[in-house]
Amino acid sequence: MENTYKAAGVDIEAGNETVKRIKGLAKQTFNKNVISDIGMFGGFYELDLAEYKNPVLVSSVDGVGTKLKIAFAMNKHNTVGQDLVNHCVNDIAVCGAKPIYFLDYLAFGKLVPEKAEKIIEGFSIACKENGCALIGGETAEMPGLYDENEYDMSGTIVGIVEKSGVINGKTITKGNVLVGFASTGLHTNGYSLARKILLDKFKVTDKPEGLKNSIGDELLKVHKSYLKLITRLKEIIPVKGFSHITGGGIVGNTNRIIPEGLKLSINWNSWDALPIFELIKKTGNVADEEMRLAFNLGIGLIAVVDKNDVENVQRVAASLNEKSYVIGEVV
């Protein structure tokens, strides 16, 4: 057999076809600041600094982790892209930044243009919702490194904030209150443990008692973006710190912004744990301590505020249909 790139498992045509399919999706996210076309060697974004005195760029990079395994099992690929964008957006929004553009990296065992299009459709949906432009990315085909039905992804977000508007927790003091906001489910964390427990006993299509959806649908619920909520709260209330609850759970993530000498007192019974977490705990006989370390347990974002601002925070959240709970304080 003749040695060709295609015979080795890399299909240049599939790559070209993918670029054709995704150009339109990316363009839907463009605004007047984007001055490059998809396919150039770099993404160009013109900064409009008129409203900033001392602008600071804020960036973050992330992946989706083994949540992708659920997408493969369900053969559903249009939500994981949204997970990735929203996760990245939240990571910079909690610092006070506004997202401006996003870049993705996709690696396949075998590049199937239809599948790539579905994933990138997810990126474009979330980029539009968060007001950021999808200005570039990389799609790689790597036979032998990934199974041919599998892929991996990562994303990089860049945002901007006025230096005086950076939110970093430095003004947090004893007696400040923690207001938690509901998550949709696991978001993008704890999937290795959840899969080990649930998929040992159930199929992704099973719908155990207590769940409204199948296990697969429950585990694929989109990681929520809190950008609108954070933006609104910032306009009205002097929020002292925000924490995005990802790997490490509520305590691990919120401790990042708590000044030295202070700690968190969490009332773990102050909100309703979601049924999916109850199922994981019960099925796997997992200790509370371990659950709190691996999962968000139904709280995806926390705002640390003065106790006099709590009522206002909850009012703003309710106006945006966000569930909020007073979940503890700084001691």
C-alpha atoms as a PDB file:
ATOM      1  CA  MET A   1       0.000   0.000   0.000  1.00  0.00           C
ATOM      2  CA  GLU A   2       1.203   3.477  -0.890  1.00  0.00           C
ATOM      3  CA  ASN A   3       2.263   5.577   2.086  1.00  0.00           C
ATOM      4  CA  THR A   4       0.113   8.697   2.270  1.00  0.00           C
ATOM      5  CA  TYR A   5      -0.927  11.022   5.077  1.00  0.00           C
ATOM      6  CA  LYS A   6      -4.498   9.768   4.671  1.00  0.00           C
ATOM      7  CA  ALA A   7      -3.400   6.120   4.958  1.00  0.00           C
ATOM      8  CA  ALA A   8      -1.598   7.107   8.160  1.00  0.00           C
ATOM      9  CA  GLY A   9      -4.940   8.382   9.474  1.00  0.00           C
ATOM     10  CA  VAL A  10      -4.838  12.119   8.783  1.00  0.00           C
ATOM     11  CA  ASP A  11      -7.391  13.383   6.269  1.00  0.00           C
ATOM     12  CA  ILE A  12      -6.511  16.861   4.950  1.00  0.00           C
ATOM     13  CA  GLU A  13      -9.823  16.989   3.056  1.00  0.00           C
ATOM     14  CA  ALA A  14     -11.778  16.410   6.287  1.00  0.00           C
ATOM     15  CA  GLY A  15      -9.811  19.299   7.787  1.00  0.00           C
ATOM     16  CA  ASN A  16     -10.688  21.621   4.896  1.00  0.00           C
ATOM     17  CA  GLU A  17     -14.335  20.540   5.047  1.00  0.00           C
ATOM     18  CA  THR A  18     -14.393  21.287   8.803  1.00  0.00           C
ATOM     19  CA  VAL A  19     -12.957  24.792   8.272  1.00  0.00           C
ATOM     20  CA  LYS A  20     -15.651  25.466   5.646  1.00  0.00           C
ATOM     21  CA  ARG A  21     -18.405  24.339   8.018  1.00  0.00           C
ATOM     22  CA  ILE A  22     -17.216  26.345  11.007  1.00  0.00           C
ATOM     23  CA  LYS A  23     -16.458  29.665   9.297  1.00  0.00           C
ATOM     24  CA  GLY A  24     -20.118  30.646   9.324  1.00  0.00           C
ATOM     25  CA  LEU A  25     -20.568  29.636  12.966  1.00  0.00           C
ATOM     26  CA  ALA A  26     -17.553  31.680  14.070  1.00  0.00           C
ATOM     27  CA  LYS A  27     -18.637  34.703  12.002  1.00  0.00           C
ATOM     28  CA  GLN A  28     -21.941  34.815  13.879  1.00  0.00           C
ATOM     29  CA  THR A  29     -19.935  35.729  16.997  1.00  0.00           C
ATOM     30  CA  PHE A  30     -17.881  38.523  15.368  1.00  0.00           C
ATOM     31  CA  ASN A  31     -18.314  42.186  16.263  1.00  0.00           C
ATOM     32  CA  LYS A  32     -16.793  45.374  14.852  1.00  0.00           C
ATOM     33  CA  ASN A  33     -13.562  44.755  16.784  1.00  0.00           C
ATOM     34  CA  VAL A  34     -12.714  41.533  14.947  1.00  0.00           C
ATOM     35  CA  ILE A  35     -10.537  42.368  11.936  1.00  0.00           C
ATOM     36  CA  SER A  36      -9.375  38.943  10.800  1.00  0.00           C
ATOM     37  CA  ASP A  37     -11.012  36.112   8.971  1.00  0.00           C
ATOM     38  CA  ILE A  38     -10.993  32.521  10.218  1.00  0.00           C
ATOM     39  CA  GLY A  39      -8.108  30.755   8.467  1.00  0.00           C
ATOM     40  CA  MET A  40      -5.415  33.395   8.960  1.00  0.00           C
ATOM     41  CA  PHE A  41      -2.404  32.485  11.092  1.00  0.00           C
ATOM     42  CA  GLY A  42      -3.596  34.654  13.975  1.00  0.00           C
ATOM     43  CA  GLY A  43      -6.827  36.159  15.275  1.00  0.00           C
ATOM     44  CA  PHE A  44      -6.912  39.974  15.233  1.00  0.00           C
ATOM     45  CA  TYR A  45      -8.987  41.958  17.692  1.00  0.00           C
ATOM     46  CA  GLU A  46      -8.939  45.756  17.790  1.00  0.00           C
ATOM     47  CA  LEU A  47      -9.214  47.054  21.348  1.00  0.00           C
ATOM     48  CA  ASP A  48     -11.575  49.941  21.956  1.00  0.00           C
ATOM     49  CA  LEU A  49     -10.106  51.553  25.076  1.00  0.00           C
ATOM     50  CA  ALA A  50     -12.151  54.763  25.080  1.00  0.00           C
ATOM     51  CA  GLU A  51     -14.064  53.793  28.240  1.00  0.00           C
ATOM     52  CA  TYR A  52     -10.958  52.647  30.181  1.00  0.00           C
ATOM     53  CA  LYS A  53      -8.413  54.713  32.134  1.00  0.00           C
ATOM     54  CA  ASN A  54      -6.174  51.822  33.082  1.00  0.00           C
ATOM     55  CA  PRO A  55      -7.251  48.687  31.210  1.00  0.00           C
ATOM     56  CA  VAL A  56      -6.003  45.260  32.300  1.00  0.00           C
ATOM     57  CA  LEU A  57      -6.311  42.131  30.158  1.00  0.00           C
ATOM     58  CA  VAL A  58      -7.410  38.994  32.026  1.00  0.00           C
ATOM     59  CA  SER A  59      -7.096  35.520  30.530  1.00  0.00           C
ATOM     60  CA  SER A  60      -7.841  31.934  31.468  1.00  0.00           C
ATOM     61  CA  VAL A  61      -7.471  28.512  29.859  1.00  0.00           C
ATOM     62  CA  ASP A  62      -9.429  25.346  30.604  1.00  0.00           C
ATOM     63  CA  GLY A  63     -10.745  22.011  29.389  1.00  0.00           C
ATOM     64  CA  VAL A  64     -13.934  20.012  29.952  1.00  0.00           C
ATOM     65  CA  GLY A  65     -12.324  16.942  31.523  1.00  0.00           C
ATOM     66  CA  THR A  66     -13.945  13.518  31.471  1.00  0.00           C
ATOM     67  CA  LYS A  67     -17.416  15.012  30.950  1.00  0.00           C
ATOM     68  CA  LEU A  68     -16.440  14.378  27.318  1.00  0.00           C
ATOM     69  CA  LYS A  69     -16.775  10.629  27.992  1.00  0.00           C
ATOM     70  CA  ILE A  70     -20.495  11.204  28.629  1.00  0.00           C
ATOM     71  CA  ALA A  71     -20.807  13.130  25.346  1.00  0.00           C
ATOM     72  CA  PHE A  72     -19.182  10.182  23.522  1.00  0.00           C
ATOM     73  CA  ALA A  73     -21.491   7.661  25.227  1.00  0.00           C
ATOM     74  CA  MET A  74     -24.581   9.755  24.383  1.00  0.00           C
ATOM     75  CA  ASN A  75     -23.262  10.678  20.918  1.00  0.00           C
ATOM     76  CA  LYS A  76     -24.289  14.254  21.758  1.00  0.00           C
ATOM     77  CA  HIS A  77     -21.689  16.872  20.900  1.00  0.00           C
ATOM     78  CA  ASN A  78     -23.457  20.256  20.842  1.00  0.00           C
ATOM     79  CA  THR A  79     -23.297  21.006  24.598  1.00  0.00           C
ATOM     80  CA  VAL A  80     -19.659  20.420  25.600  1.00  0.00           C
ATOM     81  CA  GLY A  81     -18.545  23.473  23.602  1.00  0.00           C
ATOM     82  CA  GLN A  82     -20.959  25.597  25.641  1.00  0.00           C
ATOM     83  CA  ASP A  83     -19.526  24.082  28.831  1.00  0.00           C
ATOM     84  CA  LEU A  84     -16.028  25.118  27.834  1.00  0.00           C
ATOM     85  CA  VAL A  85     -16.859  28.727  26.908  1.00  0.00           C
ATOM     86  CA  ASN A  86     -19.030  29.276  29.996  1.00  0.00           C
ATOM     87  CA  HIS A  87     -16.423  27.789  32.335  1.00  0.00           C
ATOM     88  CA  CYS A  88     -13.735  30.100  30.909  1.00  0.00           C
ATOM     89  CA  VAL A  89     -16.066  33.130  30.995  1.00  0.00           C
ATOM     90  CA  ASN A  90     -16.920  32.531  34.674  1.00  0.00           C
ATOM     91  CA  ASP A  91     -13.241  32.237  35.582  1.00  0.00           C
ATOM     92  CA  ILE A  92     -12.506  35.775  34.411  1.00  0.00           C
ATOM     93  CA  ALA A  93     -15.928  37.279  35.261  1.00  0.00           C
ATOM     94  CA  VAL A  94     -15.353  36.529  38.964  1.00  0.00           C
ATOM     95  CA  CYS A  95     -12.237  38.767  38.728  1.00  0.00           C
ATOM     96  CA  GLY A  96     -14.426  41.608  37.434  1.00  0.00           C
ATOM     97  CA  ALA A  97     -13.496  41.174  33.753  1.00  0.00           C
ATOM     98  CA  LYS A  98     -15.695  41.322  30.673  1.00  0.00           C
ATOM     99  CA  PRO A  99     -14.910  38.622  28.075  1.00  0.00           C
ATOM    100  CA  ILE A 100     -13.844  39.908  24.656  1.00  0.00           C
ATOM    101  CA  TYR A 101     -12.661  36.889  22.673  1.00  0.00           C
ATOM    102  CA  PHE A 102     -12.242  33.120  22.820  1.00  0.00           C
ATOM    103  CA  LEU A 103      -9.941  30.598  21.090  1.00  0.00           C
ATOM    104  CA  ASP A 104     -10.451  26.848  20.983  1.00  0.00           C
ATOM    105  CA  TYR A 105      -8.265  23.776  20.557  1.00  0.00           C
ATOM    106  CA  LEU A 106      -9.837  20.505  19.363  1.00  0.00           C
ATOM    107  CA  ALA A 107      -7.966  17.221  18.969  1.00  0.00           C
ATOM    108  CA  PHE A 108      -9.601  14.154  17.362  1.00  0.00           C
ATOM    109  CA  GLY A 109      -8.579  10.549  16.897  1.00  0.00           C
ATOM    110  CA  LYS A 110     -10.485  10.723  13.602  1.00  0.00           C
ATOM    111  CA  LEU A 111     -11.802  14.045  12.371  1.00  0.00           C
ATOM    112  CA  VAL A 112     -15.480  13.796  11.436  1.00  0.00           C
ATOM    113  CA  PRO A 113     -16.562  17.210  10.077  1.00  0.00           C
ATOM    114  CA  GLU A 114     -20.197  16.749  11.274  1.00  0.00           C
ATOM    115  CA  LYS A 115     -18.996  16.101  14.816  1.00  0.00           C
ATOM    116  CA  ALA A 116     -16.567  19.053  14.788  1.00  0.00           C
ATOM    117  CA  GLU A 117     -19.392  21.267  13.505  1.00  0.00           C
ATOM    118  CA  LYS A 118     -21.640  20.248  16.423  1.00  0.00           C
ATOM    119  CA  ILE A 119     -18.922  21.042  18.990  1.00  0.00           C
ATOM    120  CA  ILE A 120     -18.177  24.414  17.396  1.00  0.00           C
ATOM    121  CA  GLU A 121     -21.891  25.170  17.198  1.00  0.00           C
ATOM    122  CA  GLY A 122     -21.747  24.894  21.013  1.00  0.00           C
ATOM    123  CA  PHE A 123     -18.825  27.343  21.139  1.00  0.00           C
ATOM    124  CA  SER A 124     -20.692  29.827  18.962  1.00  0.00           C
ATOM    125  CA  ILE A 125     -23.948  29.611  20.968  1.00  0.00           C
ATOM    126  CA  ALA A 126     -22.120  30.364  24.219  1.00  0.00           C
ATOM    127  CA  CYS A 127     -19.882  33.035  22.666  1.00  0.00           C
ATOM    128  CA  LYS A 128     -22.971  34.874  21.417  1.00  0.00           C
ATOM    129  CA  GLU A 129     -24.685  34.541  24.814  1.00  0.00           C
ATOM    130  CA  ASN A 130     -21.609  35.914  26.580  1.00  0.00           C
ATOM    131  CA  GLY A 131     -20.916  38.658  24.035  1.00  0.00           C
ATOM    132  CA  CYS A 132     -17.453  37.414  23.087  1.00  0.00           C
ATOM    133  CA  ALA A 133     -16.028  36.630  19.654  1.00  0.00           C
ATOM    134  CA  LEU A 134     -14.761  33.204  18.596  1.00  0.00           C
ATOM    135  CA  ILE A 135     -11.766  34.546  16.666  1.00  0.00           C
ATOM    136  CA  GLY A 136      -9.715  31.441  16.065  1.00  0.00           C
ATOM    137  CA  GLY A 137      -8.834  27.900  16.951  1.00  0.00           C
ATOM    138  CA  GLU A 138      -6.925  24.767  16.068  1.00  0.00           C
ATOM    139  CA  THR A 139      -8.346  21.441  14.954  1.00  0.00           C
ATOM    140  CA  ALA A 140      -5.923  18.519  15.025  1.00  0.00           C
ATOM    141  CA  GLU A 141      -6.298  14.924  13.896  1.00  0.00           C
ATOM    142  CA  MET A 142      -4.076  12.591  15.908  1.00  0.00           C
ATOM    143  CA  PRO A 143      -4.552   8.910  15.125  1.00  0.00           C
ATOM    144  CA  GLY A 144      -2.871   6.664  17.654  1.00  0.00           C
ATOM    145  CA  LEU A 145      -3.034   9.288  20.384  1.00  0.00           C
ATOM    146  CA  TYR A 146      -6.834   9.323  20.707  1.00  0.00           C
ATOM    147  CA  ASP A 147      -9.369   6.592  20.032  1.00  0.00           C
ATOM    148  CA  GLU A 148     -11.040   7.301  16.693  1.00  0.00           C
ATOM    149  CA  ASN A 149     -14.412   7.987  18.330  1.00  0.00           C
ATOM    150  CA  GLU A 150     -12.945  10.371  20.895  1.00  0.00           C
ATOM    151  CA  TYR A 151     -11.651  13.917  21.077  1.00  0.00           C
ATOM    152  CA  ASP A 152     -10.301  16.409  23.590  1.00  0.00           C
ATOM    153  CA  MET A 153     -10.693  20.156  23.804  1.00  0.00           C
ATOM    154  CA  SER A 154      -9.417  23.220  25.567  1.00  0.00           C
ATOM    155  CA  GLY A 155     -10.245  26.895  25.328  1.00  0.00           C
ATOM    156  CA  THR A 156      -8.645  30.231  26.089  1.00  0.00           C
ATOM    157  CA  ILE A 157     -10.606  33.334  26.971  1.00  0.00           C
ATOM    158  CA  VAL A 158      -9.340  36.914  27.013  1.00  0.00           C
ATOM    159  CA  GLY A 159     -11.221  39.666  28.819  1.00  0.00           C
ATOM    160  CA  ILE A 160     -10.709  43.220  29.978  1.00  0.00           C
ATOM    161  CA  VAL A 161     -11.237  45.113  33.236  1.00  0.00           C
ATOM    162  CA  GLU A 162     -10.499  48.571  34.588  1.00  0.00           C
ATOM    163  CA  LYS A 163      -7.602  48.157  37.048  1.00  0.00           C
ATOM    164  CA  SER A 164      -9.609  49.783  39.842  1.00  0.00           C
ATOM    165  CA  GLY A 165     -12.479  47.381  39.087  1.00  0.00           C
ATOM    166  CA  VAL A 166     -10.521  44.161  39.679  1.00  0.00           C
ATOM    167  CA  ILE A 167     -12.332  41.999  42.261  1.00  0.00           C
ATOM    168  CA  ASN A 168      -9.846  40.015  44.332  1.00  0.00           C
ATOM    169  CA  GLY A 169     -11.202  39.521  47.856  1.00  0.00           C
ATOM    170  CA  LYS A 170      -8.721  41.916  49.492  1.00  0.00           C
ATOM    171  CA  THR A 171     -11.505  43.826  51.280  1.00  0.00           C
ATOM    172  CA  ILE A 172     -13.155  40.699  52.741  1.00  0.00           C
ATOM    173  CA  THR A 173     -13.491  40.925  56.536  1.00  0.00           C
ATOM    174  CA  LYS A 174     -14.812  38.876  59.436  1.00  0.00           C
ATOM    175  CA  GLY A 175     -18.620  38.780  59.454  1.00  0.00           C
ATOM    176  CA  ASN A 176     -18.996  39.044  55.667  1.00  0.00           C
ATOM    177  CA  VAL A 177     -21.693  36.767  54.277  1.00  0.00           C
ATOM    178  CA  LEU A 178     -21.481  34.081  51.582  1.00  0.00           C
ATOM    179  CA  VAL A 179     -24.356  34.061  49.109  1.00  0.00           C
ATOM    180  CA  GLY A 180     -24.397  30.966  46.887  1.00  0.00           C
ATOM    181  CA  PHE A 181     -26.069  30.694  43.475  1.00  0.00           C
ATOM    182  CA  ALA A 182     -27.514  27.475  42.076  1.00  0.00           C
ATOM    183  CA  SER A 183     -25.626  25.342  39.560  1.00  0.00           C
ATOM    184  CA  THR A 184     -27.316  23.294  36.825  1.00  0.00           C
ATOM    185  CA  GLY A 185     -25.586  20.118  38.009  1.00  0.00           C
ATOM    186  CA  LEU A 186     -21.968  18.936  38.060  1.00  0.00           C
ATOM    187  CA  HIS A 187     -20.915  21.707  35.645  1.00  0.00           C
ATOM    188  CA  THR A 188     -17.498  20.355  34.569  1.00  0.00           C
ATOM    189  CA  ASN A 189     -16.141  18.801  37.764  1.00  0.00           C
ATOM    190  CA  GLY A 190     -16.064  15.481  39.544  1.00  0.00           C
ATOM    191  CA  TYR A 191     -16.843  13.430  36.434  1.00  0.00           C
ATOM    192  CA  SER A 192     -14.175  10.778  37.034  1.00  0.00           C
ATOM    193  CA  LEU A 193     -15.770   9.935  40.386  1.00  0.00           C
ATOM    194  CA  ALA A 194     -19.353  10.277  39.089  1.00  0.00           C
ATOM    195  CA  ARG A 195     -18.639   7.998  36.112  1.00  0.00           C
ATOM    196  CA  LYS A 196     -16.891   5.393  38.250  1.00  0.00           C
ATOM    197  CA  ILE A 197     -19.875   5.207  40.592  1.00  0.00           C
ATOM    198  CA  LEU A 198     -22.860   5.655  38.291  1.00  0.00           C
ATOM    199  CA  LEU A 199     -21.715   3.825  35.164  1.00  0.00           C
ATOM    200  CA  ASP A 200     -20.740   0.774  37.198  1.00  0.00           C
ATOM    201  CA  LYS A 201     -24.380   0.360  38.113  1.00  0.00           C
ATOM    202  CA  PHE A 202     -26.401   2.192  35.434  1.00  0.00           C
ATOM    203  CA  LYS A 203     -26.382   2.836  31.690  1.00  0.00           C
ATOM    204  CA  VAL A 204     -26.363   6.456  30.451  1.00  0.00           C
ATOM    205  CA  THR A 205     -29.928   5.921  29.204  1.00  0.00           C
ATOM    206  CA  ASP A 206     -31.236   4.756  32.618  1.00  0.00           C
ATOM    207  CA  LYS A 207     -33.499   7.057  34.613  1.00  0.00           C
ATOM    208  CA  PRO A 208     -33.226   6.095  38.294  1.00  0.00           C
ATOM    209  CA  GLU A 209     -35.898   7.136  40.765  1.00  0.00           C
ATOM    210  CA  GLY A 210     -35.596  10.779  41.778  1.00  0.00           C
ATOM    211  CA  LEU A 211     -34.099  11.973  38.471  1.00  0.00           C
ATOM    212  CA  LYS A 212     -36.188  13.911  35.936  1.00  0.00           C
ATOM    213  CA  ASN A 213     -33.848  12.959  33.071  1.00  0.00           C
ATOM    214  CA  SER A 214     -31.695  10.028  32.076  1.00  0.00           C
ATOM    215  CA  ILE A 215     -28.291   9.835  33.762  1.00  0.00           C
ATOM    216  CA  GLY A 216     -26.610  10.882  30.511  1.00  0.00           C
ATOM    217  CA  ASP A 217     -28.801  13.977  30.071  1.00  0.00           C
ATOM    218  CA  GLU A 218     -28.393  14.888  33.724  1.00  0.00           C
ATOM    219  CA  LEU A 219     -24.595  14.647  33.460  1.00  0.00           C
ATOM    220  CA  LEU A 220     -24.530  16.653  30.203  1.00  0.00           C
ATOM    221  CA  LYS A 221     -26.433  19.644  31.618  1.00  0.00           C
ATOM    222  CA  VAL A 222     -24.602  22.752  30.450  1.00  0.00           C
ATOM    223  CA  HIS A 223     -22.155  24.469  32.810  1.00  0.00           C
ATOM    224  CA  LYS A 224     -23.974  27.718  33.505  1.00  0.00           C
ATOM    225  CA  SER A 225     -22.564  31.156  32.677  1.00  0.00           C
ATOM    226  CA  TYR A 226     -22.917  33.613  35.559  1.00  0.00           C
ATOM    227  CA  LEU A 227     -21.752  36.618  33.524  1.00  0.00           C
ATOM    228  CA  LYS A 228     -25.126  38.441  33.472  1.00  0.00           C
ATOM    229  CA  LEU A 229     -25.583  37.922  37.211  1.00  0.00           C
ATOM    230  CA  ILE A 230     -22.032  39.023  38.073  1.00  0.00           C
ATOM    231  CA  THR A 231     -22.295  42.097  35.818  1.00  0.00           C
ATOM    232  CA  ARG A 232     -25.612  43.164  37.379  1.00  0.00           C
ATOM    233  CA  LEU A 233     -24.410  42.595  40.945  1.00  0.00           C
ATOM    234  CA  LYS A 234     -21.235  44.619  40.304  1.00  0.00           C
ATOM    235  CA  GLU A 235     -23.302  47.576  39.049  1.00  0.00           C
ATOM    236  CA  ILE A 236     -25.430  47.725  42.202  1.00  0.00           C
ATOM    237  CA  ILE A 237     -23.445  46.242  45.086  1.00  0.00           C
ATOM    238  CA  PRO A 238     -19.832  46.553  46.258  1.00  0.00           C
ATOM    239  CA  VAL A 239     -19.176  42.799  46.054  1.00  0.00           C
ATOM    240  CA  LYS A 240     -15.969  41.971  47.941  1.00  0.00           C
ATOM    241  CA  GLY A 241     -15.231  38.706  46.177  1.00  0.00           C
ATOM    242  CA  PHE A 242     -16.656  36.074  43.860  1.00  0.00           C
ATOM    243  CA  SER A 243     -15.678  32.426  43.623  1.00  0.00           C
ATOM    244  CA  HIS A 244     -16.422  30.111  40.719  1.00  0.00           C
ATOM    245  CA  ILE A 245     -16.971  26.625  42.153  1.00  0.00           C
ATOM    246  CA  THR A 246     -14.930  24.159  40.095  1.00  0.00           C
ATOM    247  CA  GLY A 247     -12.467  21.396  41.034  1.00  0.00           C
ATOM    248  CA  GLY A 248     -11.860  21.458  44.794  1.00  0.00           C
ATOM    249  CA  GLY A 249     -15.443  22.350  45.666  1.00  0.00           C
ATOM    250  CA  ILE A 250     -16.935  25.215  47.645  1.00  0.00           C
ATOM    251  CA  VAL A 251     -14.228  25.516  50.297  1.00  0.00           C
ATOM    252  CA  GLY A 252     -11.247  24.915  48.006  1.00  0.00           C
ATOM    253  CA  ASN A 253     -12.291  27.599  45.520  1.00  0.00           C
ATOM    254  CA  THR A 254     -13.594  30.212  47.951  1.00  0.00           C
ATOM    255  CA  ASN A 255     -10.444  29.956  50.083  1.00  0.00           C
ATOM    256  CA  ARG A 256      -8.525  31.379  47.109  1.00  0.00           C
ATOM    257  CA  ILE A 257     -10.026  34.825  47.773  1.00  0.00           C
ATOM    258  CA  ILE A 258     -10.185  34.764  51.604  1.00  0.00           C
ATOM    259  CA  PRO A 259      -7.436  36.910  53.183  1.00  0.00           C
ATOM    260  CA  GLU A 260      -4.904  35.335  55.548  1.00  0.00           C
ATOM    261  CA  GLY A 261      -6.154  34.820  59.100  1.00  0.00           C
ATOM    262  CA  LEU A 262      -9.795  34.373  58.106  1.00  0.00           C
ATOM    263  CA  LYS A 263     -11.729  31.213  57.283  1.00  0.00           C
ATOM    264  CA  LEU A 264     -15.078  30.019  56.032  1.00  0.00           C
ATOM    265  CA  SER A 265     -17.978  28.783  58.070  1.00  0.00           C
ATOM    266  CA  ILE A 266     -20.367  26.946  55.712  1.00  0.00           C
ATOM    267  CA  ASN A 267     -23.864  25.820  56.634  1.00  0.00           C
ATOM    268  CA  TRP A 268     -24.058  22.718  54.436  1.00  0.00           C
ATOM    269  CA  ASN A 269     -27.817  22.345  55.021  1.00  0.00           C
ATOM    270  CA  SER A 270     -28.741  25.822  53.822  1.00  0.00           C
ATOM    271  CA  TRP A 271     -29.614  24.796  50.258  1.00  0.00           C
ATOM    272  CA  ASP A 272     -31.191  21.798  48.562  1.00  0.00           C
ATOM    273  CA  ALA A 273     -28.633  19.400  47.112  1.00  0.00           C
ATOM    274  CA  LEU A 274     -29.580  18.405  43.561  1.00  0.00           C
ATOM    275  CA  PRO A 275     -30.921  14.848  43.040  1.00  0.00           C
ATOM    276  CA  ILE A 276     -27.900  13.865  40.907  1.00  0.00           C
ATOM    277  CA  PHE A 277     -25.575  14.463  43.878  1.00  0.00           C
ATOM    278  CA  GLU A 278     -27.871  12.487  46.169  1.00  0.00           C
ATOM    279  CA  LEU A 279     -27.766   9.612  43.679  1.00  0.00           C
ATOM    280  CA  ILE A 280     -23.950   9.666  43.475  1.00  0.00           C
ATOM    281  CA  LYS A 281     -23.611   9.798  47.265  1.00  0.00           C
ATOM    282  CA  LYS A 282     -26.078   6.971  47.888  1.00  0.00           C
ATOM    283  CA  THR A 283     -24.981   4.693  45.019  1.00  0.00           C
ATOM    284  CA  GLY A 284     -21.273   5.027  45.788  1.00  0.00           C
ATOM    285  CA  ASN A 285     -21.604   5.318  49.566  1.00  0.00           C
ATOM    286  CA  VAL A 286     -19.431   8.453  49.379  1.00  0.00           C
ATOM    287  CA  ALA A 287     -18.518  10.333  52.579  1.00  0.00           C
ATOM    288  CA  ASP A 288     -19.735  13.957  52.912  1.00  0.00           C
ATOM    289  CA  GLU A 289     -16.124  15.157  53.099  1.00  0.00           C
ATOM    290  CA  GLU A 290     -15.333  13.539  49.731  1.00  0.00           C
ATOM    291  CA  MET A 291     -18.540  14.861  48.109  1.00  0.00           C
ATOM    292  CA  ARG A 292     -17.637  18.406  49.231  1.00  0.00           C
ATOM    293  CA  LEU A 293     -14.146  18.065  47.791  1.00  0.00           C
ATOM    294  CA  ALA A 294     -15.134  16.667  44.374  1.00  0.00           C
ATOM    295  CA  PHE A 295     -18.409  18.444  43.540  1.00  0.00           C
ATOM    296  CA  ASN A 296     -20.097  21.858  43.639  1.00  0.00           C
ATOM    297  CA  LEU A 297     -23.133  20.171  45.315  1.00  0.00           C
ATOM    298  CA  GLY A 298     -25.549  22.551  43.595  1.00  0.00           C
ATOM    299  CA  ILE A 299     -23.712  25.861  44.172  1.00  0.00           C
ATOM    300  CA  GLY A 300     -21.828  27.131  41.110  1.00  0.00           C
ATOM    301  CA  LEU A 301     -20.937  30.649  42.202  1.00  0.00           C
ATOM    302  CA  ILE A 302     -20.467  32.435  45.531  1.00  0.00           C
ATOM    303  CA  ALA A 303     -20.506  36.173  46.253  1.00  0.00           C
ATOM    304  CA  VAL A 304     -18.893  37.458  49.453  1.00  0.00           C
ATOM    305  CA  VAL A 305     -20.678  40.622  50.610  1.00  0.00           C
ATOM    306  CA  ASP A 306     -21.320  42.823  53.629  1.00  0.00           C
ATOM    307  CA  LYS A 307     -24.273  41.498  55.649  1.00  0.00           C
ATOM    308  CA  ASN A 308     -26.205  44.718  54.893  1.00  0.00           C
ATOM    309  CA  ASP A 309     -26.033  43.926  51.164  1.00  0.00           C
ATOM    310  CA  VAL A 310     -27.402  40.381  51.347  1.00  0.00           C
ATOM    311  CA  GLU A 311     -31.035  41.330  50.756  1.00  0.00           C
ATOM    312  CA  ASN A 312     -30.084  43.384  47.713  1.00  0.00           C
ATOM    313  CA  VAL A 313     -27.967  40.558  46.288  1.00  0.00           C
ATOM    314  CA  GLN A 314     -30.856  38.107  46.596  1.00  0.00           C
ATOM    315  CA  ARG A 315     -33.272  40.586  45.056  1.00  0.00           C
ATOM    316  CA  VAL A 316     -31.011  41.079  42.004  1.00  0.00           C
ATOM    317  CA  ALA A 317     -30.584  37.298  41.664  1.00  0.00           C
ATOM    318  CA  ALA A 318     -34.360  36.748  41.785  1.00  0.00           C
ATOM    319  CA  SER A 319     -34.888  39.392  39.093  1.00  0.00           C
ATOM    320  CA  LEU A 320     -32.605  37.316  36.819  1.00  0.00           C
ATOM    321  CA  ASN A 321     -34.310  34.030  37.787  1.00  0.00           C
ATOM    322  CA  GLU A 322     -31.188  32.880  39.631  1.00  0.00           C
ATOM    323  CA  LYS A 323     -31.740  30.869  42.819  1.00  0.00           C
ATOM    324  CA  SER A 324     -29.667  32.184  45.712  1.00  0.00           C
ATOM    325  CA  TYR A 325     -28.991  31.012  49.272  1.00  0.00           C
ATOM    326  CA  VAL A 326     -27.182  32.427  52.290  1.00  0.00           C
ATOM    327  CA  ILE A 327     -24.729  29.587  52.799  1.00  0.00           C
ATOM    328  CA  GLY A 328     -22.282  30.800  55.429  1.00  0.00           C
ATOM    329  CA  GLU A 329     -19.965  33.552  56.621  1.00  0.00           C
ATOM    330  CA  VAL A 330     -16.360  34.585  56.997  1.00  0.00           C
ATOM    331  CA  VAL A 331     -14.981  34.007  60.518  1.00  0.00           C
END
